[in-house]
N, C-alpha and C. Protein backbone atom coordinates (compact mmCIF):
# COMPACT_ATOMS: atom_id res chain seq x y z
N MET A 1 0.84 -1.18 0.00
CA MET A 1 0.00 0.00 0.00
C MET A 1 0.89 1.24 0.00
N SER A 2 0.56 2.18 -0.88
CA SER A 2 1.35 3.40 -0.94
C SER A 2 0.51 4.58 -0.51
N ASP A 3 1.13 5.48 0.22
CA ASP A 3 0.46 6.68 0.72
C ASP A 3 1.10 7.90 0.07
N LYS A 4 0.32 8.99 0.00
CA LYS A 4 0.81 10.24 -0.54
C LYS A 4 0.87 11.29 0.56
N PHE A 5 1.97 12.06 0.58
CA PHE A 5 2.18 13.07 1.59
C PHE A 5 2.68 14.35 0.94
N ASP A 6 2.21 15.51 1.43
CA ASP A 6 2.76 16.80 1.05
C ASP A 6 3.91 17.09 2.01
N LEU A 7 5.11 17.26 1.47
CA LEU A 7 6.29 17.49 2.31
C LEU A 7 7.03 18.73 1.85
N CYS A 8 7.51 19.52 2.82
CA CYS A 8 8.36 20.66 2.49
C CYS A 8 9.76 20.13 2.15
N VAL A 9 10.57 20.99 1.57
CA VAL A 9 11.91 20.59 1.13
C VAL A 9 12.78 20.09 2.29
N PRO A 10 12.84 20.81 3.44
CA PRO A 10 13.68 20.32 4.55
C PRO A 10 13.23 18.96 5.10
N CYS A 11 11.92 18.75 5.23
CA CYS A 11 11.43 17.47 5.76
C CYS A 11 11.68 16.33 4.77
N ALA A 12 11.50 16.59 3.49
CA ALA A 12 11.77 15.56 2.48
C ALA A 12 13.25 15.18 2.49
N ALA A 13 14.13 16.16 2.61
CA ALA A 13 15.57 15.89 2.66
C ALA A 13 15.91 15.07 3.90
N ALA A 14 15.30 15.38 5.04
CA ALA A 14 15.57 14.64 6.27
C ALA A 14 15.11 13.19 6.14
N LEU A 15 13.96 12.97 5.53
CA LEU A 15 13.46 11.60 5.36
C LEU A 15 14.32 10.80 4.39
N PHE A 16 14.81 11.46 3.33
CA PHE A 16 15.71 10.77 2.40
C PHE A 16 16.99 10.36 3.11
N GLU A 17 17.51 11.22 3.99
CA GLU A 17 18.73 10.89 4.73
C GLU A 17 18.51 9.72 5.69
N GLN A 18 17.27 9.58 6.21
CA GLN A 18 16.95 8.48 7.11
C GLN A 18 16.72 7.17 6.36
N GLY A 19 16.68 7.23 5.03
CA GLY A 19 16.53 6.02 4.24
C GLY A 19 15.12 5.70 3.82
N SER A 20 14.21 6.64 3.91
CA SER A 20 12.83 6.41 3.47
C SER A 20 12.80 6.28 1.95
N ARG A 21 11.99 5.34 1.48
CA ARG A 21 11.86 5.13 0.04
C ARG A 21 10.65 5.91 -0.45
N MET A 22 10.91 7.05 -1.11
CA MET A 22 9.84 7.91 -1.59
C MET A 22 10.17 8.36 -3.00
N ARG A 23 9.12 8.76 -3.73
CA ARG A 23 9.33 9.36 -5.04
C ARG A 23 8.34 10.50 -5.21
N LYS A 24 8.75 11.49 -6.00
CA LYS A 24 7.88 12.65 -6.23
C LYS A 24 6.72 12.25 -7.13
N VAL A 25 5.53 12.65 -6.72
CA VAL A 25 4.35 12.40 -7.53
C VAL A 25 3.98 13.67 -8.28
N ARG A 26 4.07 14.79 -7.59
CA ARG A 26 3.67 16.07 -8.18
C ARG A 26 4.55 17.17 -7.63
N GLU A 27 5.05 17.99 -8.53
CA GLU A 27 5.81 19.17 -8.11
C GLU A 27 5.43 20.31 -9.05
N VAL A 28 4.93 21.37 -8.47
CA VAL A 28 4.56 22.57 -9.22
C VAL A 28 5.51 23.67 -8.78
N PRO A 29 6.17 24.35 -9.72
CA PRO A 29 7.11 25.41 -9.33
C PRO A 29 6.43 26.53 -8.55
N ASN A 30 7.12 27.01 -7.54
CA ASN A 30 6.68 28.15 -6.74
C ASN A 30 5.30 27.97 -6.11
N VAL A 31 5.03 26.79 -5.58
CA VAL A 31 3.76 26.56 -4.88
C VAL A 31 4.06 26.22 -3.43
N LYS A 32 3.28 26.80 -2.55
CA LYS A 32 3.42 26.52 -1.12
C LYS A 32 2.38 25.49 -0.72
N LEU A 33 2.74 24.66 0.22
CA LEU A 33 1.83 23.66 0.75
C LEU A 33 2.04 23.55 2.25
N THR A 34 1.11 22.92 2.92
CA THR A 34 1.25 22.67 4.35
C THR A 34 1.88 21.29 4.51
N CYS A 35 3.05 21.25 5.12
CA CYS A 35 3.80 20.01 5.25
C CYS A 35 3.08 19.03 6.18
N SER A 36 3.01 17.77 5.76
CA SER A 36 2.37 16.73 6.56
C SER A 36 3.20 16.33 7.76
N ARG A 37 4.48 16.63 7.74
CA ARG A 37 5.36 16.22 8.83
C ARG A 37 5.50 17.30 9.90
N CYS A 38 5.83 18.52 9.49
CA CYS A 38 6.09 19.58 10.47
C CYS A 38 4.92 20.55 10.64
N GLY A 39 3.99 20.56 9.70
CA GLY A 39 2.82 21.42 9.80
C GLY A 39 3.04 22.86 9.36
N ARG A 40 4.23 23.18 8.88
CA ARG A 40 4.51 24.54 8.42
C ARG A 40 4.10 24.71 6.96
N ARG A 41 3.85 25.95 6.57
CA ARG A 41 3.51 26.27 5.19
C ARG A 41 4.78 26.68 4.47
N ARG A 42 5.26 25.81 3.58
CA ARG A 42 6.53 26.02 2.89
C ARG A 42 6.44 25.52 1.46
N TYR A 43 7.51 25.78 0.69
CA TYR A 43 7.61 25.24 -0.66
C TYR A 43 7.92 23.75 -0.57
N GLY A 44 7.29 22.96 -1.44
CA GLY A 44 7.53 21.53 -1.41
C GLY A 44 6.84 20.81 -2.55
N ALA A 45 6.63 19.51 -2.35
CA ALA A 45 6.05 18.65 -3.38
C ALA A 45 5.26 17.53 -2.72
N THR A 46 4.51 16.79 -3.52
CA THR A 46 3.78 15.63 -3.05
C THR A 46 4.63 14.39 -3.33
N TYR A 47 4.81 13.56 -2.31
CA TYR A 47 5.62 12.36 -2.42
C TYR A 47 4.76 11.13 -2.17
N GLN A 48 5.13 10.02 -2.80
CA GLN A 48 4.47 8.74 -2.60
C GLN A 48 5.45 7.79 -1.94
N THR A 49 4.98 7.09 -0.91
CA THR A 49 5.84 6.16 -0.18
C THR A 49 5.39 4.72 -0.42
N ASP A 50 6.31 3.80 -0.23
CA ASP A 50 6.00 2.38 -0.33
C ASP A 50 5.90 1.76 1.04
N GLY A 51 5.80 2.58 2.08
CA GLY A 51 5.75 2.09 3.46
C GLY A 51 7.09 2.26 4.12
N GLY A 52 7.10 2.16 5.44
CA GLY A 52 8.34 2.27 6.19
C GLY A 52 8.84 3.70 6.32
N THR A 53 7.95 4.67 6.33
CA THR A 53 8.36 6.05 6.45
C THR A 53 8.16 6.55 7.86
N ALA A 54 8.75 7.68 8.20
CA ALA A 54 8.68 8.23 9.56
C ALA A 54 7.39 9.02 9.80
N LEU A 55 6.49 9.02 8.85
CA LEU A 55 5.22 9.76 9.00
C LEU A 55 4.17 8.82 9.55
N GLU A 56 3.40 9.32 10.51
CA GLU A 56 2.37 8.49 11.14
C GLU A 56 0.98 8.86 10.64
N GLY A 57 0.56 8.32 9.51
CA GLY A 57 -0.81 8.43 9.05
C GLY A 57 -1.28 9.80 8.63
N LYS A 58 -0.41 10.74 8.42
CA LYS A 58 -0.82 12.06 7.94
C LYS A 58 -0.75 12.03 6.41
N LYS A 59 -1.90 12.10 5.76
CA LYS A 59 -1.96 11.98 4.32
C LYS A 59 -2.27 13.31 3.66
N ALA A 60 -1.90 13.40 2.39
CA ALA A 60 -2.18 14.61 1.61
C ALA A 60 -3.63 14.65 1.20
């Protein structure tokens, strides 16, 4: 089962460093979103995970 999350750039980078397996689903230039991990409104993209991520059930 794969989940989709809106992540800001710093949170996505931190999850990649932790070894989470994610891929970008949607990225629109110069768009702000509310991050599913930290809750801040920042620039980012929507990512799809294959499981095993550090996010607890917060979906886009």
